N, C-alpha and C. Protein backbone atom coordinates (compact mmCIF):
# COMPACT_ATOMS: atom_id res chain seq x y z
N MET A 1 121.25 137.30 115.74
CA MET A 1 120.51 138.78 116.08
C MET A 1 118.97 138.01 116.12
N GLU A 2 118.01 138.32 116.85
CA GLU A 2 116.80 137.65 117.09
C GLU A 2 116.00 138.52 116.08
N ILE A 3 115.94 139.93 115.82
CA ILE A 3 115.29 140.38 114.78
C ILE A 3 115.41 139.90 113.38
N ALA A 4 116.52 139.58 113.13
CA ALA A 4 116.92 139.24 111.68
C ALA A 4 116.06 137.96 111.74
N LYS A 5 116.17 136.87 112.79
CA LYS A 5 115.44 135.58 112.71
C LYS A 5 113.99 135.88 112.44
N ILE A 6 113.42 136.87 113.32
CA ILE A 6 112.24 136.75 113.28
C ILE A 6 111.72 137.49 111.79
N ALA A 7 112.35 138.37 111.15
CA ALA A 7 112.08 138.77 110.03
C ALA A 7 112.24 137.76 108.93
N ALA A 8 113.32 136.98 108.73
CA ALA A 8 113.45 135.69 108.05
C ALA A 8 112.16 134.71 108.11
N ILE A 9 111.91 134.44 109.32
CA ILE A 9 110.63 133.55 109.52
C ILE A 9 109.39 134.36 108.97
N VAL A 10 109.10 135.36 109.42
CA VAL A 10 107.78 135.77 108.78
C VAL A 10 107.92 136.33 107.41
N THR A 11 108.98 136.48 106.85
CA THR A 11 108.82 136.61 105.44
C THR A 11 108.78 135.36 104.52
N THR A 12 109.81 134.33 105.15
CA THR A 12 109.73 133.40 104.72
C THR A 12 108.16 132.51 104.54
N LEU A 13 107.54 132.57 105.53
CA LEU A 13 106.29 132.11 105.99
C LEU A 13 105.07 132.80 104.76
N ASN A 14 105.48 134.15 104.83
CA ASN A 14 104.51 134.93 103.82
C ASN A 14 104.67 134.61 102.45
N GLU A 15 105.63 133.67 101.95
CA GLU A 15 105.74 133.44 100.74
C GLU A 15 105.06 131.68 100.40
N THR A 16 104.53 131.42 101.48
CA THR A 16 104.15 129.88 101.47
C THR A 16 102.81 129.71 102.15
N ASP A 17 102.26 128.47 102.40
CA ASP A 17 100.87 128.39 103.23
C ASP A 17 101.28 127.79 104.56
N GLY A 18 102.67 128.07 104.98
CA GLY A 18 103.17 127.45 106.18
C GLY A 18 104.37 126.52 105.90
N ALA A 19 104.94 126.20 106.99
CA ALA A 19 106.00 125.10 106.99
C ALA A 19 106.15 124.36 108.25
N PRO A 20 106.69 123.20 108.19
CA PRO A 20 107.02 122.55 109.32
C PRO A 20 108.13 123.37 110.28
N GLU A 21 107.97 123.33 111.44
CA GLU A 21 108.88 124.11 112.38
C GLU A 21 110.13 123.56 112.17
N SER A 22 110.53 122.14 111.82
CA SER A 22 112.14 121.68 112.05
C SER A 22 112.35 122.66 110.73
N MET A 23 112.01 122.80 109.67
CA MET A 23 112.54 123.35 108.42
C MET A 23 112.92 124.81 108.96
N LEU A 24 112.13 125.50 109.66
CA LEU A 24 112.30 126.86 110.01
C LEU A 24 113.43 127.09 111.12
N TYR A 25 113.78 125.93 112.13
CA TYR A 25 114.74 125.98 112.96
C TYR A 25 116.03 125.57 112.23
N ILE A 26 116.10 124.56 111.33
CA ILE A 26 116.98 124.16 110.60
C ILE A 26 117.70 125.23 109.83
N PHE A 27 116.68 125.85 109.08
CA PHE A 27 117.00 127.09 108.23
C PHE A 27 117.78 128.11 108.80
N LEU A 28 117.50 128.33 110.17
CA LEU A 28 118.28 129.39 110.97
C LEU A 28 119.18 128.82 111.61
N ASP A 29 119.51 127.63 111.49
CA ASP A 29 120.66 126.86 112.38
C ASP A 29 120.58 127.23 114.14
N MET A 30 119.34 126.79 114.34
CA MET A 30 118.86 127.02 115.73
C MET A 30 118.74 125.72 116.45
N ASN A 31 119.28 125.63 117.70
CA ASN A 31 119.20 124.45 118.37
C ASN A 31 117.55 124.45 118.92
N MET A 32 117.33 123.20 119.57
CA MET A 32 115.84 123.31 120.19
C MET A 32 115.46 124.21 121.23
N ASP A 33 116.68 124.37 122.10
CA ASP A 33 116.13 125.56 122.92
C ASP A 33 116.11 126.80 122.24
N GLU A 34 116.60 127.31 121.34
CA GLU A 34 116.63 128.46 121.03
C GLU A 34 115.38 128.50 120.11
N TRP A 35 114.85 127.44 119.63
CA TRP A 35 113.91 127.37 118.63
C TRP A 35 112.53 127.59 119.74
N GLN A 36 112.51 127.05 120.91
CA GLN A 36 111.42 127.12 121.65
C GLN A 36 111.17 128.51 122.11
N THR A 37 112.49 129.11 122.52
CA THR A 37 112.36 130.86 122.67
C THR A 37 111.74 131.43 121.63
N MET A 38 112.26 131.07 120.32
CA MET A 38 111.72 131.88 119.28
C MET A 38 110.17 131.61 119.05
N ARG A 39 109.81 130.42 119.06
CA ARG A 39 108.42 130.01 118.84
C ARG A 39 107.64 130.69 119.86
N HIS A 40 108.00 130.78 121.10
CA HIS A 40 107.02 131.33 122.05
C HIS A 40 107.01 132.76 121.92
N LEU A 41 108.00 133.48 121.68
CA LEU A 41 108.03 134.90 121.04
C LEU A 41 106.98 135.10 119.88
N LEU A 42 107.15 134.38 118.96
CA LEU A 42 106.25 134.45 117.63
C LEU A 42 104.82 134.25 118.03
N VAL A 43 104.46 133.17 118.68
CA VAL A 43 103.20 132.61 119.06
C VAL A 43 102.41 133.50 119.92
N SER A 44 103.34 134.19 121.18
CA SER A 44 102.74 134.64 122.23
C SER A 44 102.51 136.34 121.70
N ASN A 45 103.09 136.79 120.73
CA ASN A 45 102.93 138.04 120.06
C ASN A 45 102.26 138.11 119.00
N GLY A 46 101.30 136.95 118.61
CA GLY A 46 100.41 136.66 117.59
C GLY A 46 100.79 136.83 116.31
N LEU A 47 102.13 136.50 115.95
CA LEU A 47 102.70 136.47 114.49
C LEU A 47 102.43 135.36 113.77
N ILE A 48 102.59 134.01 114.49
CA ILE A 48 102.17 133.00 114.00
C ILE A 48 101.35 131.83 114.72
N THR A 49 100.89 130.86 114.26
CA THR A 49 99.95 129.84 114.99
C THR A 49 100.77 128.54 114.63
N ILE A 50 100.94 127.56 115.56
CA ILE A 50 101.63 126.42 115.26
C ILE A 50 100.22 125.17 115.75
N LYS A 51 100.10 124.35 114.74
CA LYS A 51 99.14 123.26 114.55
C LYS A 51 99.88 122.07 114.06
N GLY A 52 100.11 120.90 115.00
CA GLY A 52 100.87 119.76 114.49
C GLY A 52 102.18 119.95 114.19
N ASN A 53 102.81 121.04 114.77
CA ASN A 53 104.05 121.25 114.63
C ASN A 53 104.21 121.97 113.00
N TYR A 54 103.36 122.54 112.77
CA TYR A 54 103.22 123.34 111.31
C TYR A 54 102.99 124.73 111.60
N ALA A 55 103.91 125.62 111.19
CA ALA A 55 103.69 127.08 111.58
C ALA A 55 103.13 127.82 110.33
N THR A 56 102.23 128.67 110.79
CA THR A 56 101.55 129.36 109.72
C THR A 56 101.57 130.97 110.20
N LEU A 57 101.43 131.90 109.24
CA LEU A 57 101.38 133.20 109.62
C LEU A 57 99.91 133.58 110.07
N THR A 58 99.75 134.41 111.02
CA THR A 58 98.49 135.09 111.27
C THR A 58 98.54 136.37 110.60
N ASP A 59 97.07 136.99 110.58
CA ASP A 59 97.30 138.35 109.73
C ASP A 59 98.13 139.16 110.34
N LYS A 60 98.34 139.49 111.60
CA LYS A 60 99.39 140.18 112.24
C LYS A 60 100.89 139.90 111.42
N GLY A 61 100.87 138.71 111.60
CA GLY A 61 102.40 138.28 110.92
C GLY A 61 102.55 138.40 109.52
N LYS A 62 101.28 138.51 108.65
CA LYS A 62 101.38 138.80 107.34
C LYS A 62 101.68 140.19 106.97
N GLN A 63 100.95 141.22 108.09
CA GLN A 63 101.02 142.43 107.83
C GLN A 63 102.47 143.05 108.26
N LEU A 64 103.29 142.19 109.08
CA LEU A 64 104.68 142.48 109.46
C LEU A 64 105.43 142.09 108.29
N ALA A 65 105.34 140.90 107.67
CA ALA A 65 106.03 140.30 106.61
C ALA A 65 106.02 141.50 105.32
N GLN A 66 104.68 142.04 104.98
CA GLN A 66 104.58 142.89 104.06
C GLN A 66 105.44 144.20 104.16
N LYS A 67 105.11 144.74 105.58
CA LYS A 67 106.18 146.09 106.08
C LYS A 67 107.42 145.62 105.67
N LEU A 68 108.14 144.44 106.05
CA LEU A 68 109.46 144.24 105.95
C LEU A 68 109.82 144.25 104.40
N ASN A 69 108.97 143.52 103.82
CA ASN A 69 109.55 143.12 102.43
C ASN A 69 109.42 144.78 101.51
N GLU A 70 108.60 145.46 102.08
CA GLU A 70 108.23 146.99 101.49
C GLU A 70 109.50 147.77 101.93
N ALA A 71 110.02 147.57 103.24
CA ALA A 71 111.38 148.30 103.77
C ALA A 71 112.29 147.81 102.75
N LEU A 72 112.56 146.36 102.60
CA LEU A 72 113.80 145.95 101.84
C LEU A 72 113.58 146.32 100.28
N GLU A 73 112.63 146.41 100.01
CA GLU A 73 112.40 146.97 98.49
C GLU A 73 113.12 148.38 98.20
N THR A 74 112.47 149.26 99.20
CA THR A 74 112.86 150.70 99.44
C THR A 74 114.39 151.00 99.26
N SER A 75 114.90 149.85 100.32
CA SER A 75 116.15 149.81 100.39
C SER A 75 117.27 149.55 99.37
N ARG A 76 116.37 148.61 98.54
CA ARG A 76 117.36 148.37 97.29
C ARG A 76 117.19 149.23 96.39
N GLU A 77 115.99 150.13 96.35
CA GLU A 77 115.74 151.12 95.33
C GLU A 77 116.84 152.29 95.63
N ASN A 78 117.08 152.59 96.78
CA ASN A 78 117.93 153.71 97.28
C ASN A 78 119.16 153.36 97.00
N GLU A 79 119.86 152.19 96.64
CA GLU A 79 121.23 152.03 96.46
C GLU A 79 121.70 152.72 95.31
C-alpha cells in the first residue's frame, strides 16, 4: 500500500536529519523501479528533497509527519 509507505518514510525522516535513499527503499523492501516512482511522488508533492542521494523532509513533509504521528497517538489512546 503506497499510503503506508509514504507514512513510513515521512515519519521516519521526521525523527532524523535525513537518510540515504538506499536506506529508505531497503527498509520498505522496494526495488529500484518502485523507489523511483515513490521518490518522484514525494519530491513532486514537496514532501522531501534529495541532494546527493540523501533525502530530507521539507516543511510540508514535516507537517504531514506531525499530523500522522498525532493521528497514531490518538488511535492508541482510544484503544
